[in-house]
């Protein structure tokens, strides 16, 4: 897991958002654990694929799960 200014994400707009955490799950169990943790703490989850969306969907101030 990495965090910090170096892992801020942007969309095609002007926004730059620093997430709480960025995680790179290695398997399905990792994803389940991340989701359970976020649910328990009330932290939003932002799934991220290739980052090609222009609608601000790959950014947010929660936990980014980078697939």
C-alpha atoms as a PDB file:
ATOM      1  CA  UNK A   1       0.000   0.000   0.000  1.00  0.00           C
ATOM      2  CA  UNK A   2       1.300   3.467  -0.810  1.00  0.00           C
ATOM      3  CA  UNK A   3       0.040   6.876   0.190  1.00  0.00           C
ATOM      4  CA  UNK A   4       1.171  10.452  -0.089  1.00  0.00           C
ATOM      5  CA  UNK A   5       1.306  13.285  -2.582  1.00  0.00           C
ATOM      6  CA  UNK A   6       2.958  11.125  -5.199  1.00  0.00           C
ATOM      7  CA  UNK A   7      -0.200   9.064  -5.562  1.00  0.00           C
ATOM      8  CA  UNK A   8      -2.754  11.782  -6.178  1.00  0.00           C
ATOM      9  CA  UNK A   9      -5.045  11.010  -9.074  1.00  0.00           C
ATOM     10  CA  UNK A  10      -6.578  13.283 -11.667  1.00  0.00           C
ATOM     11  CA  UNK A  11      -9.235  12.970 -14.320  1.00  0.00           C
ATOM     12  CA  UNK A  12      -9.267  14.914 -17.588  1.00  0.00           C
ATOM     13  CA  UNK A  13     -10.455  17.992 -15.695  1.00  0.00           C
ATOM     14  CA  UNK A  14      -8.734  20.395 -13.349  1.00  0.00           C
ATOM     15  CA  UNK A  15      -9.237  18.432 -10.134  1.00  0.00           C
ATOM     16  CA  UNK A  16      -6.433  16.797  -8.186  1.00  0.00           C
ATOM     17  CA  UNK A  17      -7.484  14.682  -5.219  1.00  0.00           C
ATOM     18  CA  UNK A  18      -5.290  13.114  -2.565  1.00  0.00           C
ATOM     19  CA  UNK A  19      -6.820   9.775  -1.520  1.00  0.00           C
ATOM     20  CA  UNK A  20      -6.624   8.370   2.003  1.00  0.00           C
ATOM     21  CA  UNK A  21      -4.965   5.220   0.676  1.00  0.00           C
ATOM     22  CA  UNK A  22      -4.088   3.598  -2.633  1.00  0.00           C
ATOM     23  CA  UNK A  23      -4.082  -0.177  -2.640  1.00  0.00           C
ATOM     24  CA  UNK A  24      -3.055  -2.716  -5.263  1.00  0.00           C
ATOM     25  CA  UNK A  25      -4.819  -5.972  -4.433  1.00  0.00           C
ATOM     26  CA  UNK A  26      -3.120  -9.152  -5.555  1.00  0.00           C
ATOM     27  CA  UNK A  27      -6.165 -11.410  -5.345  1.00  0.00           C
ATOM     28  CA  UNK A  28      -9.863 -11.618  -4.541  1.00  0.00           C
ATOM     29  CA  UNK A  29      -9.244 -12.036  -0.815  1.00  0.00           C
ATOM     30  CA  UNK A  30      -7.317  -8.753  -0.743  1.00  0.00           C
ATOM     31  CA  UNK A  31     -10.278  -6.994  -2.362  1.00  0.00           C
ATOM     32  CA  UNK A  32     -12.692  -8.500   0.163  1.00  0.00           C
ATOM     33  CA  UNK A  33     -10.483  -7.425   3.078  1.00  0.00           C
ATOM     34  CA  UNK A  34     -10.203  -3.875   1.729  1.00  0.00           C
ATOM     35  CA  UNK A  35     -13.957  -3.600   1.270  1.00  0.00           C
ATOM     36  CA  UNK A  36     -14.671  -4.919   4.761  1.00  0.00           C
ATOM     37  CA  UNK A  37     -12.157  -2.483   6.289  1.00  0.00           C
ATOM     38  CA  UNK A  38     -13.602   0.475   4.388  1.00  0.00           C
ATOM     39  CA  UNK A  39     -17.154  -0.467   5.341  1.00  0.00           C
ATOM     40  CA  UNK A  40     -16.202  -0.766   9.025  1.00  0.00           C
ATOM     41  CA  UNK A  41     -14.478   2.635   9.001  1.00  0.00           C
ATOM     42  CA  UNK A  42     -17.046   4.375   6.769  1.00  0.00           C
ATOM     43  CA  UNK A  43     -14.458   5.200   4.119  1.00  0.00           C
ATOM     44  CA  UNK A  44     -15.574   5.463   0.485  1.00  0.00           C
ATOM     45  CA  UNK A  45     -14.072   3.067  -2.063  1.00  0.00           C
ATOM     46  CA  UNK A  46     -13.027   4.285  -5.484  1.00  0.00           C
ATOM     47  CA  UNK A  47     -12.309   1.465  -7.950  1.00  0.00           C
ATOM     48  CA  UNK A  48      -9.755   2.382 -10.600  1.00  0.00           C
ATOM     49  CA  UNK A  49      -8.947   0.552 -13.793  1.00  0.00           C
ATOM     50  CA  UNK A  50      -6.956   2.179 -16.556  1.00  0.00           C
ATOM     51  CA  UNK A  51      -7.816   5.715 -15.463  1.00  0.00           C
ATOM     52  CA  UNK A  52      -9.239   6.566 -18.874  1.00  0.00           C
ATOM     53  CA  UNK A  53     -12.576   7.868 -17.580  1.00  0.00           C
ATOM     54  CA  UNK A  54     -13.237  11.541 -18.183  1.00  0.00           C
ATOM     55  CA  UNK A  55     -16.075  11.744 -15.658  1.00  0.00           C
ATOM     56  CA  UNK A  56     -14.082  12.038 -12.411  1.00  0.00           C
ATOM     57  CA  UNK A  57     -14.972   8.491 -11.444  1.00  0.00           C
ATOM     58  CA  UNK A  58     -11.373   7.336 -10.836  1.00  0.00           C
ATOM     59  CA  UNK A  59     -10.672  10.041  -8.242  1.00  0.00           C
ATOM     60  CA  UNK A  60     -11.833  10.628  -4.708  1.00  0.00           C
ATOM     61  CA  UNK A  61     -10.683  11.089  -1.131  1.00  0.00           C
ATOM     62  CA  UNK A  62     -11.372   7.519   0.008  1.00  0.00           C
ATOM     63  CA  UNK A  63      -9.507   4.288  -0.623  1.00  0.00           C
ATOM     64  CA  UNK A  64      -8.568   3.826  -4.258  1.00  0.00           C
ATOM     65  CA  UNK A  65      -8.445   0.182  -5.290  1.00  0.00           C
ATOM     66  CA  UNK A  66      -6.200   0.152  -8.342  1.00  0.00           C
ATOM     67  CA  UNK A  67      -6.882  -2.911 -10.443  1.00  0.00           C
END
